């Protein structure tokens, strides 16, 4: 298995009232407690800002607000942010 697959391959299950679901392979994201979490957070919160620098952003944990006083600019630039999201999902 390639290094990057080992690094981010993990299983997840749900437990409720002493009953557990089946394990499912998680293909995206970073395991909780991973030392890579802060690094990947920085990468993924800085790059989208570069895709539409004319917009205003408020970033907090896993929440991002994007806004502008110019509706046309916002619409145009959100296309760039969307393109970035599709390319980096």
PDB file of N, CA and C in Angstrom:
ATOM      1  N   UNK A   1       0.857  -1.183   0.000  1.00  0.00           N
ATOM      2  CA  UNK A   1       0.000   0.000   0.000  1.00  0.00           C
ATOM      3  C   UNK A   1       0.896   1.236   0.000  1.00  0.00           C
ATOM      4  N   UNK A   2       0.652   2.208  -0.887  1.00  0.00           N
ATOM      5  CA  UNK A   2       1.480   3.416  -0.934  1.00  0.00           C
ATOM      6  C   UNK A   2       1.429   4.174   0.391  1.00  0.00           C
ATOM      7  N   UNK A   3       2.491   4.936   0.661  1.00  0.00           N
ATOM      8  CA  UNK A   3       2.606   5.688   1.910  1.00  0.00           C
ATOM      9  C   UNK A   3       1.388   6.558   2.166  1.00  0.00           C
ATOM     10  N   UNK A   4       0.933   7.310   1.153  1.00  0.00           N
ATOM     11  CA  UNK A   4      -0.194   8.217   1.373  1.00  0.00           C
ATOM     12  C   UNK A   4      -1.484   7.468   1.697  1.00  0.00           C
ATOM     13  N   UNK A   5      -1.653   6.250   1.169  1.00  0.00           N
ATOM     14  CA  UNK A   5      -2.851   5.460   1.468  1.00  0.00           C
ATOM     15  C   UNK A   5      -2.816   4.970   2.922  1.00  0.00           C
ATOM     16  N   UNK A   6      -1.644   4.517   3.384  1.00  0.00           N
ATOM     17  CA  UNK A   6      -1.510   4.067   4.761  1.00  0.00           C
ATOM     18  C   UNK A   6      -1.754   5.208   5.735  1.00  0.00           C
ATOM     19  N   UNK A   7      -1.269   6.353   5.364  1.00  0.00           N
ATOM     20  CA  UNK A   7      -1.336   7.516   6.239  1.00  0.00           C
ATOM     21  C   UNK A   7      -2.765   7.946   6.515  1.00  0.00           C
ATOM     22  N   UNK A   8      -3.602   7.880   5.517  1.00  0.00           N
ATOM     23  CA  UNK A   8      -4.955   8.405   5.662  1.00  0.00           C
ATOM     24  C   UNK A   8      -6.048   7.332   5.611  1.00  0.00           C
ATOM     25  N   UNK A   9      -5.668   6.059   5.618  1.00  0.00           N
ATOM     26  CA  UNK A   9      -6.664   4.986   5.588  1.00  0.00           C
ATOM     27  C   UNK A   9      -7.092   4.673   7.014  1.00  0.00           C
ATOM     28  N   UNK A  10      -8.377   4.790   7.277  1.00  0.00           N
ATOM     29  CA  UNK A  10      -8.870   4.412   8.592  1.00  0.00           C
ATOM     30  C   UNK A  10     -10.329   4.009   8.507  1.00  0.00           C
ATOM     31  N   UNK A  11     -10.751   3.279   9.519  1.00  0.00           N
ATOM     32  CA  UNK A  11     -12.119   2.779   9.585  1.00  0.00           C
ATOM     33  C   UNK A  11     -12.916   3.571  10.613  1.00  0.00           C
ATOM     34  N   UNK A  12     -14.217   3.576  10.412  1.00  0.00           N
ATOM     35  CA  UNK A  12     -15.096   4.315  11.310  1.00  0.00           C
ATOM     36  C   UNK A  12     -16.340   3.486  11.571  1.00  0.00           C
ATOM     37  N   UNK A  13     -16.872   3.608  12.787  1.00  0.00           N
ATOM     38  CA  UNK A  13     -18.139   2.959  13.096  1.00  0.00           C
ATOM     39  C   UNK A  13     -18.913   3.846  14.061  1.00  0.00           C
ATOM     40  N   UNK A  14     -20.193   3.556  14.213  1.00  0.00           N
ATOM     41  CA  UNK A  14     -21.070   4.308  15.106  1.00  0.00           C
ATOM     42  C   UNK A  14     -21.548   3.359  16.197  1.00  0.00           C
ATOM     43  N   UNK A  15     -21.549   3.850  17.419  1.00  0.00           N
ATOM     44  CA  UNK A  15     -22.023   3.065  18.552  1.00  0.00           C
ATOM     45  C   UNK A  15     -23.149   3.819  19.248  1.00  0.00           C
ATOM     46  N   UNK A  16     -24.264   3.126  19.456  1.00  0.00           N
ATOM     47  CA  UNK A  16     -25.399   3.743  20.140  1.00  0.00           C
ATOM     48  C   UNK A  16     -26.104   2.673  20.966  1.00  0.00           C
ATOM     49  N   UNK A  17     -26.344   2.968  22.228  1.00  0.00           N
ATOM     50  CA  UNK A  17     -27.032   2.036  23.126  1.00  0.00           C
ATOM     51  C   UNK A  17     -26.426   0.630  23.085  1.00  0.00           C
ATOM     52  N   UNK A  18     -25.109   0.566  23.176  1.00  0.00           N
ATOM     53  CA  UNK A  18     -24.356  -0.699  23.205  1.00  0.00           C
ATOM     54  C   UNK A  18     -24.469  -1.495  21.909  1.00  0.00           C
ATOM     55  N   UNK A  19     -24.918  -0.869  20.838  1.00  0.00           N
ATOM     56  CA  UNK A  19     -24.993  -1.509  19.527  1.00  0.00           C
ATOM     57  C   UNK A  19     -24.050  -0.770  18.584  1.00  0.00           C
ATOM     58  N   UNK A  20     -23.247  -1.522  17.851  1.00  0.00           N
ATOM     59  CA  UNK A  20     -22.279  -0.913  16.937  1.00  0.00           C
ATOM     60  C   UNK A  20     -22.636  -1.215  15.488  1.00  0.00           C
ATOM     61  N   UNK A  21     -22.406  -0.236  14.648  1.00  0.00           N
ATOM     62  CA  UNK A  21     -22.598  -0.426  13.208  1.00  0.00           C
ATOM     63  C   UNK A  21     -21.411  -1.218  12.660  1.00  0.00           C
ATOM     64  N   UNK A  22     -21.490  -1.576  11.402  1.00  0.00           N
ATOM     65  CA  UNK A  22     -20.356  -2.189  10.716  1.00  0.00           C
ATOM     66  C   UNK A  22     -19.278  -1.134  10.529  1.00  0.00           C
ATOM     67  N   UNK A  23     -18.038  -1.590  10.362  1.00  0.00           N
ATOM     68  CA  UNK A  23     -16.946  -0.678  10.070  1.00  0.00           C
ATOM     69  C   UNK A  23     -17.029  -0.240   8.610  1.00  0.00           C
ATOM     70  N   UNK A  24     -16.725   1.014   8.361  1.00  0.00           N
ATOM     71  CA  UNK A  24     -16.697   1.552   6.999  1.00  0.00           C
ATOM     72  C   UNK A  24     -15.377   2.275   6.783  1.00  0.00           C
ATOM     73  N   UNK A  25     -14.786   2.051   5.628  1.00  0.00           N
ATOM     74  CA  UNK A  25     -13.550   2.725   5.259  1.00  0.00           C
ATOM     75  C   UNK A  25     -13.845   4.197   4.975  1.00  0.00           C
ATOM     76  N   UNK A  26     -13.078   5.086   5.570  1.00  0.00           N
ATOM     77  CA  UNK A  26     -13.237   6.523   5.362  1.00  0.00           C
ATOM     78  C   UNK A  26     -12.224   6.952   4.311  1.00  0.00           C
ATOM     79  N   UNK A  27     -12.720   7.510   3.214  1.00  0.00           N
ATOM     80  CA  UNK A  27     -11.844   7.877   2.100  1.00  0.00           C
ATOM     81  C   UNK A  27     -11.347   9.315   2.177  1.00  0.00           C
ATOM     82  N   UNK A  28     -12.039  10.158   2.914  1.00  0.00           N
ATOM     83  CA  UNK A  28     -11.685  11.574   2.946  1.00  0.00           C
ATOM     84  C   UNK A  28     -11.540  12.035   4.386  1.00  0.00           C
ATOM     85  N   UNK A  29     -10.795  13.105   4.564  1.00  0.00           N
ATOM     86  CA  UNK A  29     -10.663  13.675   5.898  1.00  0.00           C
ATOM     87  C   UNK A  29      -9.405  13.231   6.599  1.00  0.00           C
ATOM     88  N   UNK A  30      -9.272  13.674   7.823  1.00  0.00           N
ATOM     89  CA  UNK A  30      -8.102  13.373   8.641  1.00  0.00           C
ATOM     90  C   UNK A  30      -8.602  12.780   9.952  1.00  0.00           C
ATOM     91  N   UNK A  31      -8.024  11.680  10.395  1.00  0.00           N
ATOM     92  CA  UNK A  31      -8.466  11.095  11.661  1.00  0.00           C
ATOM     93  C   UNK A  31      -8.305  12.082  12.816  1.00  0.00           C
ATOM     94  N   UNK A  32      -9.231  12.042  13.758  1.00  0.00           N
ATOM     95  CA  UNK A  32      -9.124  12.910  14.918  1.00  0.00           C
ATOM     96  C   UNK A  32      -7.831  12.610  15.654  1.00  0.00           C
ATOM     97  N   UNK A  33      -7.181  13.659  16.123  1.00  0.00           N
ATOM     98  CA  UNK A  33      -5.940  13.495  16.861  1.00  0.00           C
ATOM     99  C   UNK A  33      -4.723  13.360  15.981  1.00  0.00           C
ATOM    100  N   UNK A  34      -4.893  13.374  14.675  1.00  0.00           N
ATOM    101  CA  UNK A  34      -3.765  13.240  13.758  1.00  0.00           C
ATOM    102  C   UNK A  34      -2.873  14.471  13.837  1.00  0.00           C
ATOM    103  N   UNK A  35      -1.566  14.247  13.779  1.00  0.00           N
ATOM    104  CA  UNK A  35      -0.633  15.381  13.780  1.00  0.00           C
ATOM    105  C   UNK A  35      -0.722  16.159  12.472  1.00  0.00           C
ATOM    106  N   UNK A  36      -1.332  15.570  11.456  1.00  0.00           N
ATOM    107  CA  UNK A  36      -1.467  16.242  10.167  1.00  0.00           C
ATOM    108  C   UNK A  36      -2.674  17.173  10.119  1.00  0.00           C
ATOM    109  N   UNK A  37      -3.570  17.058  11.074  1.00  0.00           N
ATOM    110  CA  UNK A  37      -4.772  17.884  11.098  1.00  0.00           C
ATOM    111  C   UNK A  37      -4.492  19.370  10.973  1.00  0.00           C
ATOM    112  N   UNK A  38      -3.654  19.943  11.856  1.00  0.00           N
ATOM    113  CA  UNK A  38      -3.381  21.385  11.768  1.00  0.00           C
ATOM    114  C   UNK A  38      -2.715  21.800  10.459  1.00  0.00           C
ATOM    115  N   UNK A  39      -1.823  20.958   9.953  1.00  0.00           N
ATOM    116  CA  UNK A  39      -1.142  21.279   8.697  1.00  0.00           C
ATOM    117  C   UNK A  39      -2.128  21.284   7.536  1.00  0.00           C
ATOM    118  N   UNK A  40      -2.934  20.235   7.455  1.00  0.00           N
ATOM    119  CA  UNK A  40      -3.908  20.163   6.371  1.00  0.00           C
ATOM    120  C   UNK A  40      -4.960  21.255   6.501  1.00  0.00           C
ATOM    121  N   UNK A  41      -5.343  21.600   7.722  1.00  0.00           N
ATOM    122  CA  UNK A  41      -6.289  22.698   7.926  1.00  0.00           C
ATOM    123  C   UNK A  41      -5.712  23.988   7.342  1.00  0.00           C
ATOM    124  N   UNK A  42      -4.452  24.260   7.625  1.00  0.00           N
ATOM    125  CA  UNK A  42      -3.818  25.479   7.105  1.00  0.00           C
ATOM    126  C   UNK A  42      -3.782  25.486   5.586  1.00  0.00           C
ATOM    127  N   UNK A  43      -3.452  24.350   5.006  1.00  0.00           N
ATOM    128  CA  UNK A  43      -3.399  24.262   3.541  1.00  0.00           C
ATOM    129  C   UNK A  43      -4.777  24.518   2.940  1.00  0.00           C
ATOM    130  N   UNK A  44      -5.782  23.848   3.483  1.00  0.00           N
ATOM    131  CA  UNK A  44      -7.115  23.935   2.900  1.00  0.00           C
ATOM    132  C   UNK A  44      -7.853  25.219   3.229  1.00  0.00           C
ATOM    133  N   UNK A  45      -7.395  25.982   4.196  1.00  0.00           N
ATOM    134  CA  UNK A  45      -8.060  27.256   4.453  1.00  0.00           C
ATOM    135  C   UNK A  45      -7.342  28.412   3.793  1.00  0.00           C
ATOM    136  N   UNK A  46      -6.093  28.237   3.446  1.00  0.00           N
ATOM    137  CA  UNK A  46      -5.349  29.319   2.785  1.00  0.00           C
ATOM    138  C   UNK A  46      -5.535  29.293   1.270  1.00  0.00           C
ATOM    139  N   UNK A  47      -5.505  28.118   0.671  1.00  0.00           N
ATOM    140  CA  UNK A  47      -5.603  28.022  -0.786  1.00  0.00           C
ATOM    141  C   UNK A  47      -6.912  28.549  -1.363  1.00  0.00           C
ATOM    142  N   UNK A  48      -8.069  28.264  -0.772  1.00  0.00           N
ATOM    143  CA  UNK A  48      -9.292  28.819  -1.356  1.00  0.00           C
ATOM    144  C   UNK A  48      -9.291  30.345  -1.343  1.00  0.00           C
ATOM    145  N   UNK A  49      -8.623  30.929  -0.361  1.00  0.00           N
ATOM    146  CA  UNK A  49      -8.547  32.389  -0.309  1.00  0.00           C
ATOM    147  C   UNK A  49      -7.804  32.938  -1.522  1.00  0.00           C
ATOM    148  N   UNK A  50      -6.813  32.190  -1.972  1.00  0.00           N
ATOM    149  CA  UNK A  50      -6.041  32.605  -3.145  1.00  0.00           C
ATOM    150  C   UNK A  50      -6.858  32.495  -4.421  1.00  0.00           C
ATOM    151  N   UNK A  51      -7.865  31.626  -4.437  1.00  0.00           N
ATOM    152  CA  UNK A  51      -8.664  31.437  -5.645  1.00  0.00           C
ATOM    153  C   UNK A  51      -9.607  32.615  -5.894  1.00  0.00           C
ATOM    154  N   UNK A  52      -9.904  33.395  -4.861  1.00  0.00           N
ATOM    155  CA  UNK A  52     -10.797  34.557  -4.996  1.00  0.00           C
ATOM    156  C   UNK A  52     -10.363  35.627  -3.994  1.00  0.00           C
ATOM    157  N   UNK A  53      -9.209  36.255  -4.229  1.00  0.00           N
ATOM    158  CA  UNK A  53      -8.669  37.208  -3.249  1.00  0.00           C
ATOM    159  C   UNK A  53      -9.488  38.493  -3.094  1.00  0.00           C
ATOM    160  N   UNK A  54     -10.389  38.772  -4.023  1.00  0.00           N
ATOM    161  CA  UNK A  54     -11.187  39.999  -3.945  1.00  0.00           C
ATOM    162  C   UNK A  54     -12.316  39.903  -2.923  1.00  0.00           C
ATOM    163  N   UNK A  55     -12.592  38.678  -2.453  1.00  0.00           N
ATOM    164  CA  UNK A  55     -13.684  38.480  -1.506  1.00  0.00           C
ATOM    165  C   UNK A  55     -13.182  38.603  -0.074  1.00  0.00           C
ATOM    166  N   UNK A  56     -14.113  38.773   0.849  1.00  0.00           N
ATOM    167  CA  UNK A  56     -13.792  38.829   2.273  1.00  0.00           C
ATOM    168  C   UNK A  56     -14.141  37.487   2.897  1.00  0.00           C
ATOM    169  N   UNK A  57     -13.320  37.037   3.825  1.00  0.00           N
ATOM    170  CA  UNK A  57     -13.477  35.738   4.453  1.00  0.00           C
ATOM    171  C   UNK A  57     -13.436  35.871   5.970  1.00  0.00           C
ATOM    172  N   UNK A  58     -14.214  35.030   6.629  1.00  0.00           N
ATOM    173  CA  UNK A  58     -14.094  34.809   8.064  1.00  0.00           C
ATOM    174  C   UNK A  58     -13.940  33.304   8.235  1.00  0.00           C
ATOM    175  N   UNK A  59     -12.821  32.885   8.829  1.00  0.00           N
ATOM    176  CA  UNK A  59     -12.529  31.468   9.005  1.00  0.00           C
ATOM    177  C   UNK A  59     -12.539  31.128  10.482  1.00  0.00           C
ATOM    178  N   UNK A  60     -13.208  30.034  10.824  1.00  0.00           N
ATOM    179  CA  UNK A  60     -13.179  29.540  12.188  1.00  0.00           C
ATOM    180  C   UNK A  60     -13.365  28.030  12.159  1.00  0.00           C
ATOM    181  N   UNK A  61     -12.378  27.311  12.656  1.00  0.00           N
ATOM    182  CA  UNK A  61     -12.407  25.845  12.721  1.00  0.00           C
ATOM    183  C   UNK A  61     -12.842  25.272  11.370  1.00  0.00           C
ATOM    184  N   UNK A  62     -14.002  24.620  11.324  1.00  0.00           N
ATOM    185  CA  UNK A  62     -14.440  24.003  10.066  1.00  0.00           C
ATOM    186  C   UNK A  62     -15.526  24.826   9.385  1.00  0.00           C
ATOM    187  N   UNK A  63     -15.582  26.107   9.683  1.00  0.00           N
ATOM    188  CA  UNK A  63     -16.608  26.981   9.125  1.00  0.00           C
ATOM    189  C   UNK A  63     -15.949  28.140   8.384  1.00  0.00           C
ATOM    190  N   UNK A  64     -16.400  28.405   7.173  1.00  0.00           N
ATOM    191  CA  UNK A  64     -15.884  29.522   6.384  1.00  0.00           C
ATOM    192  C   UNK A  64     -17.052  30.363   5.892  1.00  0.00           C
ATOM    193  N   UNK A  65     -16.963  31.660   6.126  1.00  0.00           N
ATOM    194  CA  UNK A  65     -17.949  32.606   5.595  1.00  0.00           C
ATOM    195  C   UNK A  65     -17.263  33.440   4.529  1.00  0.00           C
ATOM    196  N   UNK A  66     -17.913  33.551   3.380  1.00  0.00           N
ATOM    197  CA  UNK A  66     -17.386  34.330   2.266  1.00  0.00           C
ATOM    198  C   UNK A  66     -18.408  35.405   1.949  1.00  0.00           C
ATOM    199  N   UNK A  67     -17.953  36.647   1.855  1.00  0.00           N
ATOM    200  CA  UNK A  67     -18.912  37.708   1.583  1.00  0.00           C
ATOM    201  C   UNK A  67     -18.262  38.863   0.823  1.00  0.00           C
ATOM    202  N   UNK A  68     -19.139  39.698   0.247  1.00  0.00           N
ATOM    203  CA  UNK A  68     -18.725  40.883  -0.503  1.00  0.00           C
ATOM    204  C   UNK A  68     -19.904  41.838  -0.564  1.00  0.00           C
ATOM    205  N   UNK A  69     -19.621  43.120  -0.668  1.00  0.00           N
ATOM    206  CA  UNK A  69     -20.691  44.103  -0.835  1.00  0.00           C
ATOM    207  C   UNK A  69     -21.115  44.216  -2.291  1.00  0.00           C
ATOM    208  N   UNK A  70     -20.353  43.611  -3.190  1.00  0.00           N
ATOM    209  CA  UNK A  70     -20.643  43.643  -4.628  1.00  0.00           C
ATOM    210  C   UNK A  70     -21.187  42.278  -5.052  1.00  0.00           C
ATOM    211  N   UNK A  71     -22.485  42.188  -5.293  1.00  0.00           N
ATOM    212  CA  UNK A  71     -23.133  40.907  -5.610  1.00  0.00           C
ATOM    213  C   UNK A  71     -22.586  40.289  -6.892  1.00  0.00           C
ATOM    214  N   UNK A  72     -22.308  41.101  -7.889  1.00  0.00           N
ATOM    215  CA  UNK A  72     -21.780  40.568  -9.151  1.00  0.00           C
ATOM    216  C   UNK A  72     -20.380  39.994  -8.955  1.00  0.00           C
ATOM    217  N   UNK A  73     -19.543  40.708  -8.212  1.00  0.00           N
ATOM    218  CA  UNK A  73     -18.200  40.215  -7.904  1.00  0.00           C
ATOM    219  C   UNK A  73     -18.287  38.905  -7.118  1.00  0.00           C
ATOM    220  N   UNK A  74     -19.176  38.869  -6.145  1.00  0.00           N
ATOM    221  CA  UNK A  74     -19.348  37.658  -5.337  1.00  0.00           C
ATOM    222  C   UNK A  74     -19.723  36.478  -6.216  1.00  0.00           C
ATOM    223  N   UNK A  75     -20.671  36.670  -7.096  1.00  0.00           N
ATOM    224  CA  UNK A  75     -21.097  35.605  -7.989  1.00  0.00           C
ATOM    225  C   UNK A  75     -19.949  35.118  -8.871  1.00  0.00           C
ATOM    226  N   UNK A  76     -19.219  36.049  -9.447  1.00  0.00           N
ATOM    227  CA  UNK A  76     -18.091  35.686 -10.318  1.00  0.00           C
ATOM    228  C   UNK A  76     -17.005  34.943  -9.553  1.00  0.00           C
ATOM    229  N   UNK A  77     -16.656  35.448  -8.383  1.00  0.00           N
ATOM    230  CA  UNK A  77     -15.561  34.866  -7.615  1.00  0.00           C
ATOM    231  C   UNK A  77     -15.937  33.532  -6.968  1.00  0.00           C
ATOM    232  N   UNK A  78     -17.216  33.351  -6.657  1.00  0.00           N
ATOM    233  CA  UNK A  78     -17.635  32.064  -6.101  1.00  0.00           C
ATOM    234  C   UNK A  78     -17.450  30.933  -7.107  1.00  0.00           C
ATOM    235  N   UNK A  79     -17.474  31.268  -8.375  1.00  0.00           N
ATOM    236  CA  UNK A  79     -17.178  30.274  -9.412  1.00  0.00           C
ATOM    237  C   UNK A  79     -15.739  29.790  -9.243  1.00  0.00           C
ATOM    238  N   UNK A  80     -14.818  30.701  -8.960  1.00  0.00           N
ATOM    239  CA  UNK A  80     -13.416  30.317  -8.731  1.00  0.00           C
ATOM    240  C   UNK A  80     -13.278  29.448  -7.484  1.00  0.00           C
ATOM    241  N   UNK A  81     -13.988  29.810  -6.428  1.00  0.00           N
ATOM    242  CA  UNK A  81     -13.944  29.014  -5.189  1.00  0.00           C
ATOM    243  C   UNK A  81     -14.529  27.624  -5.459  1.00  0.00           C
ATOM    244  N   UNK A  82     -15.634  27.567  -6.169  1.00  0.00           N
ATOM    245  CA  UNK A  82     -16.234  26.277  -6.520  1.00  0.00           C
ATOM    246  C   UNK A  82     -15.275  25.422  -7.331  1.00  0.00           C
ATOM    247  N   UNK A  83     -14.617  26.026  -8.314  1.00  0.00           N
ATOM    248  CA  UNK A  83     -13.637  25.291  -9.128  1.00  0.00           C
ATOM    249  C   UNK A  83     -12.504  24.739  -8.255  1.00  0.00           C
ATOM    250  N   UNK A  84     -12.051  25.536  -7.286  1.00  0.00           N
ATOM    251  CA  UNK A  84     -11.002  25.089  -6.371  1.00  0.00           C
ATOM    252  C   UNK A  84     -11.503  23.887  -5.553  1.00  0.00           C
ATOM    253  N   UNK A  85     -12.735  23.983  -5.040  1.00  0.00           N
ATOM    254  CA  UNK A  85     -13.304  22.897  -4.225  1.00  0.00           C
ATOM    255  C   UNK A  85     -13.413  21.606  -5.021  1.00  0.00           C
ATOM    256  N   UNK A  86     -13.849  21.695  -6.253  1.00  0.00           N
ATOM    257  CA  UNK A  86     -13.978  20.505  -7.099  1.00  0.00           C
ATOM    258  C   UNK A  86     -12.606  19.889  -7.369  1.00  0.00           C
ATOM    259  N   UNK A  87     -11.630  20.736  -7.638  1.00  0.00           N
ATOM    260  CA  UNK A  87     -10.282  20.244  -7.944  1.00  0.00           C
ATOM    261  C   UNK A  87      -9.585  19.656  -6.719  1.00  0.00           C
ATOM    262  N   UNK A  88      -9.994  20.044  -5.513  1.00  0.00           N
ATOM    263  CA  UNK A  88      -9.285  19.635  -4.293  1.00  0.00           C
ATOM    264  C   UNK A  88     -10.141  18.842  -3.310  1.00  0.00           C
ATOM    265  N   UNK A  89     -11.177  18.198  -3.789  1.00  0.00           N
ATOM    266  CA  UNK A  89     -12.029  17.444  -2.849  1.00  0.00           C
ATOM    267  C   UNK A  89     -11.401  16.184  -2.368  1.00  0.00           C
TER     268      UNK A  89
END
